[in-house]
Amino acid sequence: MLGWALTFLVLALVAGLLGFSGLAGASANIAWVLFVVFLVLMVVSAVARALRGQSPA
């Protein structure tokens, strides 16, 4: 999921440089949403592992 977020971020940067502001804005929003979802899932996973008594490795 982090890979998709980075992909959309790069797409937004390239589109912004080429003047496609609508596409750049949409891609940046998608990248932001995917990054937030990734962070939430990472925290949930870390808490679940901690509650089971496993190391966070």
Protein backbone atom coordinates (compact mmCIF):
# COMPACT_ATOMS: atom_id res chain seq x y z
CA MET A 1 0.00 0.00 0.00
CA LEU A 2 2.88 2.30 0.68
CA GLY A 3 4.13 1.54 -2.82
CA TRP A 4 0.83 2.72 -4.31
CA ALA A 5 0.96 5.90 -2.23
CA LEU A 6 4.47 6.63 -3.51
CA THR A 7 3.38 5.87 -7.08
CA PHE A 8 0.51 8.37 -6.91
CA LEU A 9 2.80 10.92 -5.26
CA VAL A 10 5.27 10.66 -8.14
CA LEU A 11 2.40 10.85 -10.63
CA ALA A 12 1.16 14.01 -8.91
CA LEU A 13 4.61 15.59 -9.03
CA VAL A 14 5.11 14.80 -12.71
CA ALA A 15 1.61 15.98 -13.62
CA GLY A 16 2.19 19.20 -11.67
CA LEU A 17 5.45 19.85 -13.48
CA LEU A 18 3.75 19.32 -16.83
CA GLY A 19 0.89 21.68 -15.97
CA PHE A 20 -1.90 19.17 -15.41
CA SER A 21 -3.11 20.70 -12.16
CA GLY A 22 -6.39 18.73 -12.01
CA LEU A 23 -4.64 15.39 -12.38
CA ALA A 24 -1.91 16.47 -9.98
CA GLY A 25 -4.44 17.42 -7.31
CA ALA A 26 -6.37 14.18 -7.68
CA SER A 27 -3.22 12.09 -7.56
CA ALA A 28 -1.96 13.95 -4.50
CA ASN A 29 -5.26 13.34 -2.71
CA ILE A 30 -5.17 9.63 -3.55
CA ALA A 31 -1.57 9.40 -2.34
CA TRP A 32 -2.49 11.14 0.92
CA VAL A 33 -5.45 8.81 1.57
CA LEU A 34 -3.39 5.69 0.84
CA PHE A 35 -0.59 6.91 3.10
CA VAL A 36 -3.00 7.55 5.99
CA VAL A 37 -4.58 4.10 5.51
CA PHE A 38 -1.09 2.58 5.52
CA LEU A 39 -0.22 4.37 8.78
CA VAL A 40 -3.46 3.26 10.46
CA LEU A 41 -2.93 -0.36 9.41
CA MET A 42 0.67 -0.25 10.61
CA VAL A 43 -0.36 1.02 14.05
CA VAL A 44 -3.17 -1.55 14.33
CA SER A 45 -0.73 -4.30 13.38
CA ALA A 46 1.85 -3.14 15.94
CA VAL A 47 -0.76 -2.96 18.70
CA ALA A 48 -2.09 -6.41 17.81
CA ARG A 49 1.41 -7.89 17.95
CA ALA A 50 2.09 -6.18 21.28
CA LEU A 51 -1.14 -7.52 22.78
CA ARG A 52 -0.18 -11.05 21.71
CA GLY A 53 3.19 -10.64 23.40
CA GLN A 54 5.33 -10.83 20.29
CA SER A 55 8.30 -8.62 19.65
CA PRO A 56 7.76 -5.76 17.15
CA ALA A 57 10.43 -7.12 14.80
